[in-house]
Amino acid sequence: MEGTGGMSENSSSLQRKLTTAAYLLTAGLLVEGITLYWAHPTSFLLFILLGGILVGAGILTYLVALVTA
């Protein structure tokens, strides 16, 4: 039964990375959704900068988690 602990650790690490990616994507989509209803020039900047960065970070985290798994 050698090596069974490694599989559990890899699964736990992958799950933690995927959860982080999901939180980043959800936060980014929430920011983008909120700024769609806000009629102010600053809302565009928040949509692109904050929402875009969060969504991009979530996608990158997801891809890195899949590649390193």
PDB file of N, CA and C in Angstrom:
ATOM      1  N   MET A   1       0.806  -1.188   0.000  1.00  0.00           N
ATOM      2  CA  MET A   1       0.000   0.000   0.000  1.00  0.00           C
ATOM      3  C   MET A   1       0.857   1.263   0.000  1.00  0.00           C
ATOM      4  N   GLU A   2       1.992   1.195  -0.635  1.00  0.00           N
ATOM      5  CA  GLU A   2       2.822   2.379  -0.733  1.00  0.00           C
ATOM      6  C   GLU A   2       2.236   3.322  -1.776  1.00  0.00           C
ATOM      7  N   GLY A   3       2.387   4.608  -1.519  1.00  0.00           N
ATOM      8  CA  GLY A   3       1.952   5.589  -2.493  1.00  0.00           C
ATOM      9  C   GLY A   3       0.489   5.985  -2.404  1.00  0.00           C
ATOM     10  N   THR A   4      -0.281   5.403  -1.510  1.00  0.00           N
ATOM     11  CA  THR A   4      -1.691   5.781  -1.441  1.00  0.00           C
ATOM     12  C   THR A   4      -1.859   7.161  -0.827  1.00  0.00           C
ATOM     13  N   GLY A   5      -0.946   7.577   0.036  1.00  0.00           N
ATOM     14  CA  GLY A   5      -1.037   8.905   0.629  1.00  0.00           C
ATOM     15  C   GLY A   5      -0.784  10.002  -0.391  1.00  0.00           C
ATOM     16  N   GLY A   6       0.065   9.731  -1.367  1.00  0.00           N
ATOM     17  CA  GLY A   6       0.361  10.721  -2.388  1.00  0.00           C
ATOM     18  C   GLY A   6      -0.836  11.048  -3.250  1.00  0.00           C
ATOM     19  N   MET A   7      -1.621  10.050  -3.574  1.00  0.00           N
ATOM     20  CA  MET A   7      -2.803  10.276  -4.393  1.00  0.00           C
ATOM     21  C   MET A   7      -3.803  11.137  -3.642  1.00  0.00           C
ATOM     22  N   SER A   8      -3.949  10.897  -2.358  1.00  0.00           N
ATOM     23  CA  SER A   8      -4.866  11.682  -1.546  1.00  0.00           C
ATOM     24  C   SER A   8      -4.396  13.130  -1.448  1.00  0.00           C
ATOM     25  N   GLU A   9      -3.087  13.325  -1.295  1.00  0.00           N
ATOM     26  CA  GLU A   9      -2.551  14.676  -1.206  1.00  0.00           C
ATOM     27  C   GLU A   9      -2.724  15.413  -2.526  1.00  0.00           C
ATOM     28  N   ASN A  10      -2.500  14.732  -3.657  1.00  0.00           N
ATOM     29  CA  ASN A  10      -2.678  15.359  -4.960  1.00  0.00           C
ATOM     30  C   ASN A  10      -4.130  15.728  -5.192  1.00  0.00           C
ATOM     31  N   SER A  11      -5.039  14.858  -4.800  1.00  0.00           N
ATOM     32  CA  SER A  11      -6.458  15.122  -4.962  1.00  0.00           C
ATOM     33  C   SER A  11      -6.887  16.312  -4.106  1.00  0.00           C
ATOM     34  N   SER A  12      -6.375  16.368  -2.891  1.00  0.00           N
ATOM     35  CA  SER A  12      -6.707  17.469  -1.995  1.00  0.00           C
ATOM     36  C   SER A  12      -6.153  18.789  -2.533  1.00  0.00           C
ATOM     37  N   SER A  13      -4.937  18.749  -3.038  1.00  0.00           N
ATOM     38  CA  SER A  13      -4.321  19.951  -3.594  1.00  0.00           C
ATOM     39  C   SER A  13      -5.080  20.419  -4.834  1.00  0.00           C
ATOM     40  N   LEU A  14      -5.454  19.491  -5.695  1.00  0.00           N
ATOM     41  CA  LEU A  14      -6.207  19.836  -6.894  1.00  0.00           C
ATOM     42  C   LEU A  14      -7.561  20.436  -6.524  1.00  0.00           C
ATOM     43  N   GLN A  15      -8.212  19.835  -5.559  1.00  0.00           N
ATOM     44  CA  GLN A  15      -9.521  20.336  -5.146  1.00  0.00           C
ATOM     45  C   GLN A  15      -9.402  21.744  -4.562  1.00  0.00           C
ATOM     46  N   ARG A  16      -8.358  21.998  -3.797  1.00  0.00           N
ATOM     47  CA  ARG A  16      -8.160  23.318  -3.214  1.00  0.00           C
ATOM     48  C   ARG A  16      -7.907  24.360  -4.307  1.00  0.00           C
ATOM     49  N   LYS A  17      -7.106  23.995  -5.325  1.00  0.00           N
ATOM     50  CA  LYS A  17      -6.835  24.922  -6.426  1.00  0.00           C
ATOM     51  C   LYS A  17      -8.088  25.182  -7.251  1.00  0.00           C
ATOM     52  N   LEU A  18      -8.866  24.148  -7.486  1.00  0.00           N
ATOM     53  CA  LEU A  18     -10.092  24.322  -8.260  1.00  0.00           C
ATOM     54  C   LEU A  18     -11.117  25.160  -7.493  1.00  0.00           C
ATOM     55  N   THR A  19     -11.157  24.994  -6.183  1.00  0.00           N
ATOM     56  CA  THR A  19     -12.058  25.802  -5.364  1.00  0.00           C
ATOM     57  C   THR A  19     -11.645  27.266  -5.409  1.00  0.00           C
ATOM     58  N   THR A  20     -10.349  27.517  -5.342  1.00  0.00           N
ATOM     59  CA  THR A  20      -9.848  28.888  -5.438  1.00  0.00           C
ATOM     60  C   THR A  20     -10.202  29.491  -6.790  1.00  0.00           C
ATOM     61  N   ALA A  21     -10.043  28.720  -7.849  1.00  0.00           N
ATOM     62  CA  ALA A  21     -10.392  29.195  -9.187  1.00  0.00           C
ATOM     63  C   ALA A  21     -11.881  29.516  -9.273  1.00  0.00           C
ATOM     64  N   ALA A  22     -12.705  28.675  -8.680  1.00  0.00           N
ATOM     65  CA  ALA A  22     -14.153  28.910  -8.706  1.00  0.00           C
ATOM     66  C   ALA A  22     -14.520  30.176  -7.947  1.00  0.00           C
ATOM     67  N   TYR A  23     -13.876  30.414  -6.803  1.00  0.00           N
ATOM     68  CA  TYR A  23     -14.144  31.638  -6.042  1.00  0.00           C
ATOM     69  C   TYR A  23     -13.718  32.880  -6.818  1.00  0.00           C
ATOM     70  N   LEU A  24     -12.561  32.814  -7.479  1.00  0.00           N
ATOM     71  CA  LEU A  24     -12.105  33.952  -8.270  1.00  0.00           C
ATOM     72  C   LEU A  24     -13.050  34.235  -9.437  1.00  0.00           C
ATOM     73  N   LEU A  25     -13.464  33.199 -10.126  1.00  0.00           N
ATOM     74  CA  LEU A  25     -14.395  33.382 -11.245  1.00  0.00           C
ATOM     75  C   LEU A  25     -15.741  33.928 -10.776  1.00  0.00           C
ATOM     76  N   THR A  26     -16.229  33.401  -9.670  1.00  0.00           N
ATOM     77  CA  THR A  26     -17.511  33.872  -9.141  1.00  0.00           C
ATOM     78  C   THR A  26     -17.427  35.335  -8.728  1.00  0.00           C
ATOM     79  N   ALA A  27     -16.345  35.708  -8.062  1.00  0.00           N
ATOM     80  CA  ALA A  27     -16.172  37.100  -7.650  1.00  0.00           C
ATOM     81  C   ALA A  27     -16.081  38.011  -8.865  1.00  0.00           C
ATOM     82  N   GLY A  28     -15.347  37.584  -9.883  1.00  0.00           N
ATOM     83  CA  GLY A  28     -15.230  38.385 -11.094  1.00  0.00           C
ATOM     84  C   GLY A  28     -16.560  38.561 -11.801  1.00  0.00           C
ATOM     85  N   LEU A  29     -17.326  37.491 -11.897  1.00  0.00           N
ATOM     86  CA  LEU A  29     -18.633  37.586 -12.550  1.00  0.00           C
ATOM     87  C   LEU A  29     -19.613  38.438 -11.738  1.00  0.00           C
ATOM     88  N   LEU A  30     -19.519  38.367 -10.417  1.00  0.00           N
ATOM     89  CA  LEU A  30     -20.366  39.227  -9.580  1.00  0.00           C
ATOM     90  C   LEU A  30     -20.023  40.700  -9.785  1.00  0.00           C
ATOM     91  N   VAL A  31     -18.735  41.017  -9.806  1.00  0.00           N
ATOM     92  CA  VAL A  31     -18.313  42.399 -10.037  1.00  0.00           C
ATOM     93  C   VAL A  31     -18.802  42.869 -11.400  1.00  0.00           C
ATOM     94  N   GLU A  32     -18.637  42.042 -12.415  1.00  0.00           N
ATOM     95  CA  GLU A  32     -19.082  42.426 -13.749  1.00  0.00           C
ATOM     96  C   GLU A  32     -20.598  42.567 -13.825  1.00  0.00           C
ATOM     97  N   GLY A  33     -21.314  41.688 -13.147  1.00  0.00           N
ATOM     98  CA  GLY A  33     -22.773  41.791 -13.134  1.00  0.00           C
ATOM     99  C   GLY A  33     -23.259  43.041 -12.427  1.00  0.00           C
ATOM    100  N   ILE A  34     -22.618  43.384 -11.325  1.00  0.00           N
ATOM    101  CA  ILE A  34     -23.018  44.588 -10.578  1.00  0.00           C
ATOM    102  C   ILE A  34     -22.729  45.840 -11.387  1.00  0.00           C
ATOM    103  N   THR A  35     -21.579  45.886 -12.045  1.00  0.00           N
ATOM    104  CA  THR A  35     -21.230  47.089 -12.797  1.00  0.00           C
ATOM    105  C   THR A  35     -22.097  47.268 -14.040  1.00  0.00           C
ATOM    106  N   LEU A  36     -22.750  46.219 -14.512  1.00  0.00           N
ATOM    107  CA  LEU A  36     -23.653  46.379 -15.652  1.00  0.00           C
ATOM    108  C   LEU A  36     -24.877  47.223 -15.291  1.00  0.00           C
ATOM    109  N   TYR A  37     -25.272  47.225 -14.026  1.00  0.00           N
ATOM    110  CA  TYR A  37     -26.443  47.978 -13.593  1.00  0.00           C
ATOM    111  C   TYR A  37     -26.087  49.349 -13.036  1.00  0.00           C
ATOM    112  N   TRP A  38     -24.809  49.676 -13.015  1.00  0.00           N
ATOM    113  CA  TRP A  38     -24.360  50.934 -12.452  1.00  0.00           C
ATOM    114  C   TRP A  38     -24.088  51.896 -13.601  1.00  0.00           C
ATOM    115  N   ALA A  39     -24.810  52.988 -13.670  1.00  0.00           N
ATOM    116  CA  ALA A  39     -24.683  53.942 -14.769  1.00  0.00           C
ATOM    117  C   ALA A  39     -23.716  55.060 -14.383  1.00  0.00           C
ATOM    118  N   HIS A  40     -22.446  54.768 -14.487  1.00  0.00           N
ATOM    119  CA  HIS A  40     -21.404  55.741 -14.157  1.00  0.00           C
ATOM    120  C   HIS A  40     -20.158  55.363 -14.954  1.00  0.00           C
ATOM    121  N   PRO A  41     -19.371  56.333 -15.380  1.00  0.00           N
ATOM    122  CA  PRO A  41     -18.157  56.006 -16.144  1.00  0.00           C
ATOM    123  C   PRO A  41     -17.169  55.121 -15.382  1.00  0.00           C
ATOM    124  N   THR A  42     -17.164  55.212 -14.085  1.00  0.00           N
ATOM    125  CA  THR A  42     -16.255  54.383 -13.288  1.00  0.00           C
ATOM    126  C   THR A  42     -16.636  52.912 -13.368  1.00  0.00           C
ATOM    127  N   SER A  43     -17.896  52.635 -13.639  1.00  0.00           N
ATOM    128  CA  SER A  43     -18.331  51.242 -13.707  1.00  0.00           C
ATOM    129  C   SER A  43     -17.631  50.498 -14.841  1.00  0.00           C
ATOM    130  N   PHE A  44     -17.332  51.184 -15.934  1.00  0.00           N
ATOM    131  CA  PHE A  44     -16.606  50.538 -17.032  1.00  0.00           C
ATOM    132  C   PHE A  44     -15.199  50.152 -16.585  1.00  0.00           C
ATOM    133  N   LEU A  45     -14.551  51.041 -15.848  1.00  0.00           N
ATOM    134  CA  LEU A  45     -13.207  50.742 -15.366  1.00  0.00           C
ATOM    135  C   LEU A  45     -13.215  49.568 -14.394  1.00  0.00           C
ATOM    136  N   LEU A  46     -14.204  49.537 -13.508  1.00  0.00           N
ATOM    137  CA  LEU A  46     -14.309  48.410 -12.583  1.00  0.00           C
ATOM    138  C   LEU A  46     -14.621  47.113 -13.323  1.00  0.00           C
ATOM    139  N   PHE A  47     -15.470  47.221 -14.343  1.00  0.00           N
ATOM    140  CA  PHE A  47     -15.812  46.040 -15.142  1.00  0.00           C
ATOM    141  C   PHE A  47     -14.566  45.459 -15.785  1.00  0.00           C
ATOM    142  N   ILE A  48     -13.786  46.311 -16.423  1.00  0.00           N
ATOM    143  CA  ILE A  48     -12.602  45.843 -17.142  1.00  0.00           C
ATOM    144  C   ILE A  48     -11.475  45.488 -16.182  1.00  0.00           C
ATOM    145  N   LEU A  49     -11.157  46.373 -15.266  1.00  0.00           N
ATOM    146  CA  LEU A  49      -9.985  46.157 -14.407  1.00  0.00           C
ATOM    147  C   LEU A  49     -10.238  45.105 -13.333  1.00  0.00           C
ATOM    148  N   LEU A  50     -11.170  45.365 -12.450  1.00  0.00           N
ATOM    149  CA  LEU A  50     -11.380  44.448 -11.330  1.00  0.00           C
ATOM    150  C   LEU A  50     -12.027  43.143 -11.787  1.00  0.00           C
ATOM    151  N   GLY A  51     -13.108  43.249 -12.542  1.00  0.00           N
ATOM    152  CA  GLY A  51     -13.792  42.044 -13.012  1.00  0.00           C
ATOM    153  C   GLY A  51     -12.931  41.223 -13.955  1.00  0.00           C
ATOM    154  N   GLY A  52     -12.269  41.893 -14.877  1.00  0.00           N
ATOM    155  CA  GLY A  52     -11.417  41.196 -15.830  1.00  0.00           C
ATOM    156  C   GLY A  52     -10.230  40.518 -15.174  1.00  0.00           C
ATOM    157  N   ILE A  53      -9.634  41.184 -14.212  1.00  0.00           N
ATOM    158  CA  ILE A  53      -8.486  40.592 -13.507  1.00  0.00           C
ATOM    159  C   ILE A  53      -8.928  39.374 -12.703  1.00  0.00           C
ATOM    160  N   LEU A  54     -10.062  39.477 -12.020  1.00  0.00           N
ATOM    161  CA  LEU A  54     -10.545  38.339 -11.237  1.00  0.00           C
ATOM    162  C   LEU A  54     -10.907  37.148 -12.124  1.00  0.00           C
ATOM    163  N   VAL A  55     -11.581  37.409 -13.226  1.00  0.00           N
ATOM    164  CA  VAL A  55     -11.933  36.318 -14.140  1.00  0.00           C
ATOM    165  C   VAL A  55     -10.671  35.721 -14.760  1.00  0.00           C
ATOM    166  N   GLY A  56      -9.754  36.573 -15.171  1.00  0.00           N
ATOM    167  CA  GLY A  56      -8.498  36.088 -15.747  1.00  0.00           C
ATOM    168  C   GLY A  56      -7.685  35.275 -14.752  1.00  0.00           C
ATOM    169  N   ALA A  57      -7.646  35.737 -13.510  1.00  0.00           N
ATOM    170  CA  ALA A  57      -6.915  34.988 -12.475  1.00  0.00           C
ATOM    171  C   ALA A  57      -7.585  33.645 -12.208  1.00  0.00           C
ATOM    172  N   GLY A  58      -8.911  33.618 -12.243  1.00  0.00           N
ATOM    173  CA  GLY A  58      -9.626  32.358 -12.048  1.00  0.00           C
ATOM    174  C   GLY A  58      -9.355  31.372 -13.163  1.00  0.00           C
ATOM    175  N   ILE A  59      -9.335  31.861 -14.393  1.00  0.00           N
ATOM    176  CA  ILE A  59      -9.057  30.990 -15.534  1.00  0.00           C
ATOM    177  C   ILE A  59      -7.630  30.462 -15.465  1.00  0.00           C
ATOM    178  N   LEU A  60      -6.681  31.345 -15.164  1.00  0.00           N
ATOM    179  CA  LEU A  60      -5.282  30.910 -15.068  1.00  0.00           C
ATOM    180  C   LEU A  60      -5.081  29.911 -13.935  1.00  0.00           C
ATOM    181  N   THR A  61      -5.729  30.148 -12.812  1.00  0.00           N
ATOM    182  CA  THR A  61      -5.623  29.217 -11.687  1.00  0.00           C
ATOM    183  C   THR A  61      -6.179  27.850 -12.069  1.00  0.00           C
ATOM    184  N   TYR A  62      -7.293  27.851 -12.774  1.00  0.00           N
ATOM    185  CA  TYR A  62      -7.901  26.604 -13.227  1.00  0.00           C
ATOM    186  C   TYR A  62      -6.962  25.843 -14.171  1.00  0.00           C
ATOM    187  N   LEU A  63      -6.410  26.550 -15.143  1.00  0.00           N
ATOM    188  CA  LEU A  63      -5.532  25.908 -16.101  1.00  0.00           C
ATOM    189  C   LEU A  63      -4.252  25.380 -15.456  1.00  0.00           C
ATOM    190  N   VAL A  64      -3.676  26.165 -14.551  1.00  0.00           N
ATOM    191  CA  VAL A  64      -2.467  25.720 -13.845  1.00  0.00           C
ATOM    192  C   VAL A  64      -2.783  24.489 -12.989  1.00  0.00           C
ATOM    193  N   ALA A  65      -3.948  24.479 -12.370  1.00  0.00           N
ATOM    194  CA  ALA A  65      -4.334  23.318 -11.548  1.00  0.00           C
ATOM    195  C   ALA A  65      -4.462  22.071 -12.400  1.00  0.00           C
ATOM    196  N   LEU A  66      -5.007  22.211 -13.610  1.00  0.00           N
ATOM    197  CA  LEU A  66      -5.158  21.045 -14.478  1.00  0.00           C
ATOM    198  C   LEU A  66      -3.806  20.550 -15.000  1.00  0.00           C
ATOM    199  N   VAL A  67      -2.926  21.480 -15.326  1.00  0.00           N
ATOM    200  CA  VAL A  67      -1.628  21.104 -15.891  1.00  0.00           C
ATOM    201  C   VAL A  67      -0.742  20.449 -14.831  1.00  0.00           C
ATOM    202  N   THR A  68      -0.780  20.968 -13.614  1.00  0.00           N
ATOM    203  CA  THR A  68       0.089  20.439 -12.559  1.00  0.00           C
ATOM    204  C   THR A  68      -0.479  19.211 -11.871  1.00  0.00           C
ATOM    205  N   ALA A  69      -1.702  18.828 -12.190  1.00  0.00           N
ATOM    206  CA  ALA A  69      -2.321  17.683 -11.516  1.00  0.00           C
ATOM    207  C   ALA A  69      -1.710  16.376 -11.944  1.00  0.00           C
TER     208      ALA A  69
END
